[in-house]
Structures are given as structure tokens and as C-alpha cells.
Amino acid sequence: MEIDLDGHNVTTPAPVTITEPHPCKHPSGIVYVITCTRCRKQYVGLTVKSLRERIN
């Protein structure tokens, strides 16, 4: 599966681009969108755990 990762921290409206290592200072409370690069379907989620823990 090929995916694009973009997210927004719910405490600030600024977009967060997911890179390695994880740049966000707020490990949870991130609304994220995972988009399939083949079919463009999207999954929207909200982290309770850290985003790194949720994605892995």
C-alpha cells in the first residue's frame, strides 16, 4: 500500500506534514488523513496514542 500522510494538531490549526522522525511536540490529539496514492480513498482518524504508535 502506498499512502500520503497529512495531519492537523487539534490544539493548533496549522497543518503537520508527517516525516521521520516525527516532528510534532504533541504526541496525541492529532487528526490525520491517510490517502491511498492509487485509488485516492481516504481514512480520517484522531490519535489517542502517539501518531507514531498508531501508524506503526
PDB file of N, CA and C in Angstrom:
ATOM      1  N   MET A   1       0.842  -1.177   0.000  1.00  0.00           N
ATOM      2  CA  MET A   1       0.000   0.000   0.000  1.00  0.00           C
ATOM      3  C   MET A   1       0.884   1.235   0.000  1.00  0.00           C
ATOM      4  N   GLU A   2       0.570   2.173  -0.849  1.00  0.00           N
ATOM      5  CA  GLU A   2       1.262   3.453  -0.874  1.00  0.00           C
ATOM      6  C   GLU A   2       0.322   4.491  -0.282  1.00  0.00           C
ATOM      7  N   ILE A   3       0.839   5.307   0.652  1.00  0.00           N
ATOM      8  CA  ILE A   3      -0.013   6.295   1.308  1.00  0.00           C
ATOM      9  C   ILE A   3       0.682   7.639   1.398  1.00  0.00           C
ATOM     10  N   ASP A   4      -0.134   8.693   1.439  1.00  0.00           N
ATOM     11  CA  ASP A   4       0.325  10.043   1.763  1.00  0.00           C
ATOM     12  C   ASP A   4      -0.176  10.327   3.167  1.00  0.00           C
ATOM     13  N   LEU A   5       0.654  10.946   4.002  1.00  0.00           N
ATOM     14  CA  LEU A   5       0.244  11.271   5.363  1.00  0.00           C
ATOM     15  C   LEU A   5       0.248  12.773   5.564  1.00  0.00           C
ATOM     16  N   ASP A   6      -0.879  13.308   6.001  1.00  0.00           N
ATOM     17  CA  ASP A   6      -1.007  14.708   6.385  1.00  0.00           C
ATOM     18  C   ASP A   6      -1.837  14.744   7.650  1.00  0.00           C
ATOM     19  N   GLY A   7      -1.598  15.735   8.484  1.00  0.00           N
ATOM     20  CA  GLY A   7      -2.373  15.805   9.719  1.00  0.00           C
ATOM     21  C   GLY A   7      -2.492  17.220  10.229  1.00  0.00           C
ATOM     22  N   HIS A   8      -3.376  17.423  11.202  1.00  0.00           N
ATOM     23  CA  HIS A   8      -3.550  18.699  11.887  1.00  0.00           C
ATOM     24  C   HIS A   8      -3.602  18.424  13.372  1.00  0.00           C
ATOM     25  N   ASN A   9      -2.871  19.192  14.143  1.00  0.00           N
ATOM     26  CA  ASN A   9      -2.961  19.091  15.595  1.00  0.00           C
ATOM     27  C   ASN A   9      -4.240  19.796  16.012  1.00  0.00           C
ATOM     28  N   VAL A  10      -5.056  19.157  16.854  1.00  0.00           N
ATOM     29  CA  VAL A  10      -6.333  19.774  17.233  1.00  0.00           C
ATOM     30  C   VAL A  10      -6.154  21.001  18.118  1.00  0.00           C
ATOM     31  N   THR A  11      -4.964  21.199  18.690  1.00  0.00           N
ATOM     32  CA  THR A  11      -4.736  22.379  19.524  1.00  0.00           C
ATOM     33  C   THR A  11      -4.266  23.574  18.709  1.00  0.00           C
ATOM     34  N   THR A  12      -3.799  23.349  17.492  1.00  0.00           N
ATOM     35  CA  THR A  12      -3.391  24.430  16.596  1.00  0.00           C
ATOM     36  C   THR A  12      -3.890  24.108  15.194  1.00  0.00           C
ATOM     37  N   PRO A  13      -4.319  25.107  14.424  1.00  0.00           N
ATOM     38  CA  PRO A  13      -4.869  24.839  13.096  1.00  0.00           C
ATOM     39  C   PRO A  13      -3.824  24.583  12.012  1.00  0.00           C
ATOM     40  N   ALA A  14      -2.559  24.724  12.324  1.00  0.00           N
ATOM     41  CA  ALA A  14      -1.517  24.579  11.305  1.00  0.00           C
ATOM     42  C   ALA A  14      -1.383  23.127  10.853  1.00  0.00           C
ATOM     43  N   PRO A  15      -1.257  22.884   9.548  1.00  0.00           N
ATOM     44  CA  PRO A  15      -1.057  21.521   9.059  1.00  0.00           C
ATOM     45  C   PRO A  15       0.270  20.951   9.539  1.00  0.00           C
ATOM     46  N   VAL A  16       0.303  19.654   9.690  1.00  0.00           N
ATOM     47  CA  VAL A  16       1.521  18.950  10.085  1.00  0.00           C
ATOM     48  C   VAL A  16       1.849  17.961   8.985  1.00  0.00           C
ATOM     49  N   THR A  17       3.026  18.040   8.405  1.00  0.00           N
ATOM     50  CA  THR A  17       3.468  17.050   7.440  1.00  0.00           C
ATOM     51  C   THR A  17       4.229  15.985   8.196  1.00  0.00           C
ATOM     52  N   ILE A  18       3.827  14.730   8.015  1.00  0.00           N
ATOM     53  CA  ILE A  18       4.428  13.638   8.755  1.00  0.00           C
ATOM     54  C   ILE A  18       5.728  13.231   8.072  1.00  0.00           C
ATOM     55  N   THR A  19       6.817  13.329   8.805  1.00  0.00           N
ATOM     56  CA  THR A  19       8.127  12.927   8.307  1.00  0.00           C
ATOM     57  C   THR A  19       8.798  12.077   9.370  1.00  0.00           C
ATOM     58  N   GLU A  20       9.928  11.538   9.069  1.00  0.00           N
ATOM     59  CA  GLU A  20      10.719  10.801  10.058  1.00  0.00           C
ATOM     60  C   GLU A  20      11.920  11.648  10.419  1.00  0.00           C
ATOM     61  N   PRO A  21      12.255  11.854  11.664  1.00  0.00           N
ATOM     62  CA  PRO A  21      11.494  11.474  12.849  1.00  0.00           C
ATOM     63  C   PRO A  21      10.267  12.350  13.001  1.00  0.00           C
ATOM     64  N   HIS A  22       9.321  11.905  13.798  1.00  0.00           N
ATOM     65  CA  HIS A  22       8.044  12.596  13.976  1.00  0.00           C
ATOM     66  C   HIS A  22       8.265  14.006  14.522  1.00  0.00           C
ATOM     67  N   PRO A  23       7.774  15.061  13.810  1.00  0.00           N
ATOM     68  CA  PRO A  23       8.075  16.441  14.196  1.00  0.00           C
ATOM     69  C   PRO A  23       7.155  17.036  15.258  1.00  0.00           C
ATOM     70  N   CYS A  24       6.061  16.384  15.565  1.00  0.00           N
ATOM     71  CA  CYS A  24       5.048  17.005  16.414  1.00  0.00           C
ATOM     72  C   CYS A  24       5.432  16.963  17.888  1.00  0.00           C
ATOM     73  N   LYS A  25       5.266  18.087  18.574  1.00  0.00           N
ATOM     74  CA  LYS A  25       5.564  18.151  20.006  1.00  0.00           C
ATOM     75  C   LYS A  25       4.410  17.608  20.833  1.00  0.00           C
ATOM     76  N   HIS A  26       3.224  17.506  20.243  1.00  0.00           N
ATOM     77  CA  HIS A  26       2.041  16.982  20.925  1.00  0.00           C
ATOM     78  C   HIS A  26       1.815  15.559  20.423  1.00  0.00           C
ATOM     79  N   PRO A  27       2.152  14.565  21.221  1.00  0.00           N
ATOM     80  CA  PRO A  27       2.129  13.197  20.720  1.00  0.00           C
ATOM     81  C   PRO A  27       0.740  12.624  20.465  1.00  0.00           C
ATOM     82  N   SER A  28      -0.311  13.226  21.015  1.00  0.00           N
ATOM     83  CA  SER A  28      -1.658  12.716  20.763  1.00  0.00           C
ATOM     84  C   SER A  28      -2.582  13.879  20.433  1.00  0.00           C
ATOM     85  N   GLY A  29      -3.835  13.580  20.101  1.00  0.00           N
ATOM     86  CA  GLY A  29      -4.788  14.632  19.746  1.00  0.00           C
ATOM     87  C   GLY A  29      -4.586  15.163  18.350  1.00  0.00           C
ATOM     88  N   ILE A  30      -4.061  14.338  17.450  1.00  0.00           N
ATOM     89  CA  ILE A  30      -3.822  14.754  16.073  1.00  0.00           C
ATOM     90  C   ILE A  30      -4.882  14.121  15.181  1.00  0.00           C
ATOM     91  N   VAL A  31      -5.577  14.947  14.399  1.00  0.00           N
ATOM     92  CA  VAL A  31      -6.472  14.445  13.369  1.00  0.00           C
ATOM     93  C   VAL A  31      -5.601  14.211  12.144  1.00  0.00           C
ATOM     94  N   TYR A  32      -5.683  13.003  11.593  1.00  0.00           N
ATOM     95  CA  TYR A  32      -4.839  12.690  10.448  1.00  0.00           C
ATOM     96  C   TYR A  32      -5.666  12.105   9.317  1.00  0.00           C
ATOM     97  N   VAL A  33      -5.154  12.258   8.104  1.00  0.00           N
ATOM     98  CA  VAL A  33      -5.785  11.701   6.914  1.00  0.00           C
ATOM     99  C   VAL A  33      -4.754  10.826   6.228  1.00  0.00           C
ATOM    100  N   ILE A  34      -5.117   9.591   5.975  1.00  0.00           N
ATOM    101  CA  ILE A  34      -4.267   8.692   5.203  1.00  0.00           C
ATOM    102  C   ILE A  34      -4.949   8.521   3.851  1.00  0.00           C
ATOM    103  N   THR A  35      -4.235   8.883   2.776  1.00  0.00           N
ATOM    104  CA  THR A  35      -4.779   8.808   1.428  1.00  0.00           C
ATOM    105  C   THR A  35      -4.036   7.751   0.634  1.00  0.00           C
ATOM    106  N   CYS A  36      -4.780   6.826   0.028  1.00  0.00           N
ATOM    107  CA  CYS A  36      -4.172   5.827  -0.846  1.00  0.00           C
ATOM    108  C   CYS A  36      -3.744   6.531  -2.126  1.00  0.00           C
ATOM    109  N   THR A  37      -2.480   6.389  -2.511  1.00  0.00           N
ATOM    110  CA  THR A  37      -1.985   7.071  -3.706  1.00  0.00           C
ATOM    111  C   THR A  37      -2.482   6.414  -4.989  1.00  0.00           C
ATOM    112  N   ARG A  38      -3.019   5.217  -4.889  1.00  0.00           N
ATOM    113  CA  ARG A  38      -3.541   4.542  -6.088  1.00  0.00           C
ATOM    114  C   ARG A  38      -4.995   4.911  -6.365  1.00  0.00           C
ATOM    115  N   CYS A  39      -5.870   4.751  -5.361  1.00  0.00           N
ATOM    116  CA  CYS A  39      -7.311   4.974  -5.593  1.00  0.00           C
ATOM    117  C   CYS A  39      -7.812   6.283  -4.993  1.00  0.00           C
ATOM    118  N   ARG A  40      -6.982   6.989  -4.224  1.00  0.00           N
ATOM    119  CA  ARG A  40      -7.293   8.272  -3.588  1.00  0.00           C
ATOM    120  C   ARG A  40      -8.356   8.164  -2.491  1.00  0.00           C
ATOM    121  N   LYS A  41      -8.726   6.944  -2.058  1.00  0.00           N
ATOM    122  CA  LYS A  41      -9.625   6.814  -0.913  1.00  0.00           C
ATOM    123  C   LYS A  41      -8.903   7.318   0.318  1.00  0.00           C
ATOM    124  N   GLN A  42      -9.676   7.846   1.281  1.00  0.00           N
ATOM    125  CA  GLN A  42      -9.078   8.444   2.468  1.00  0.00           C
ATOM    126  C   GLN A  42      -9.629   7.833   3.743  1.00  0.00           C
ATOM    127  N   TYR A  43      -8.758   7.757   4.742  1.00  0.00           N
ATOM    128  CA  TYR A  43      -9.126   7.351   6.090  1.00  0.00           C
ATOM    129  C   TYR A  43      -8.789   8.519   7.003  1.00  0.00           C
ATOM    130  N   VAL A  44      -9.756   8.959   7.808  1.00  0.00           N
ATOM    131  CA  VAL A  44      -9.540  10.058   8.744  1.00  0.00           C
ATOM    132  C   VAL A  44      -9.575   9.484  10.149  1.00  0.00           C
ATOM    133  N   GLY A  45      -8.578   9.837  10.961  1.00  0.00           N
ATOM    134  CA  GLY A  45      -8.520   9.344  12.331  1.00  0.00           C
ATOM    135  C   GLY A  45      -8.089  10.427  13.301  1.00  0.00           C
ATOM    136  N   LEU A  46      -8.284  10.156  14.581  1.00  0.00           N
ATOM    137  CA  LEU A  46      -7.852  11.041  15.664  1.00  0.00           C
ATOM    138  C   LEU A  46      -7.011  10.207  16.610  1.00  0.00           C
ATOM    139  N   THR A  47      -5.789  10.656  16.893  1.00  0.00           N
ATOM    140  CA  THR A  47      -4.910   9.878  17.756  1.00  0.00           C
ATOM    141  C   THR A  47      -5.271  10.037  19.218  1.00  0.00           C
ATOM    142  N   VAL A  48      -5.285   8.938  19.922  1.00  0.00           N
ATOM    143  CA  VAL A  48      -5.344   8.918  21.377  1.00  0.00           C
ATOM    144  C   VAL A  48      -3.945   8.556  21.857  1.00  0.00           C
ATOM    145  N   LYS A  49      -3.352   7.588  21.146  1.00  0.00           N
ATOM    146  CA  LYS A  49      -1.948   7.247  21.362  1.00  0.00           C
ATOM    147  C   LYS A  49      -1.116   8.224  20.529  1.00  0.00           C
ATOM    148  N   SER A  50       0.198   8.126  20.634  1.00  0.00           N
ATOM    149  CA  SER A  50       1.039   8.962  19.779  1.00  0.00           C
ATOM    150  C   SER A  50       0.822   8.541  18.331  1.00  0.00           C
ATOM    151  N   LEU A  51       0.983   9.470  17.393  1.00  0.00           N
ATOM    152  CA  LEU A  51       0.794   9.154  15.986  1.00  0.00           C
ATOM    153  C   LEU A  51       1.757   8.065  15.545  1.00  0.00           C
ATOM    154  N   ARG A  52       2.989   8.105  16.019  1.00  0.00           N
ATOM    155  CA  ARG A  52       3.966   7.078  15.653  1.00  0.00           C
ATOM    156  C   ARG A  52       3.476   5.697  16.091  1.00  0.00           C
ATOM    157  N   GLU A  53       2.953   5.602  17.307  1.00  0.00           N
ATOM    158  CA  GLU A  53       2.454   4.325  17.819  1.00  0.00           C
ATOM    159  C   GLU A  53       1.224   3.875  17.026  1.00  0.00           C
ATOM    160  N   ARG A  54       0.368   4.813  16.634  1.00  0.00           N
ATOM    161  CA  ARG A  54      -0.847   4.498  15.882  1.00  0.00           C
ATOM    162  C   ARG A  54      -0.524   4.003  14.482  1.00  0.00           C
ATOM    163  N   ILE A  55       0.409   4.665  13.791  1.00  0.00           N
ATOM    164  CA  ILE A  55       0.755   4.301  12.416  1.00  0.00           C
ATOM    165  C   ILE A  55       1.518   2.982  12.379  1.00  0.00           C
ATOM    166  N   ASN A  56       2.451   2.805  13.324  1.00  0.00           N
ATOM    167  CA  ASN A  56       3.238   1.567  13.340  1.00  0.00           C
ATOM    168  C   ASN A  56       2.389   0.487  13.902  1.00  0.00           C
TER     169      ASN A  56
END
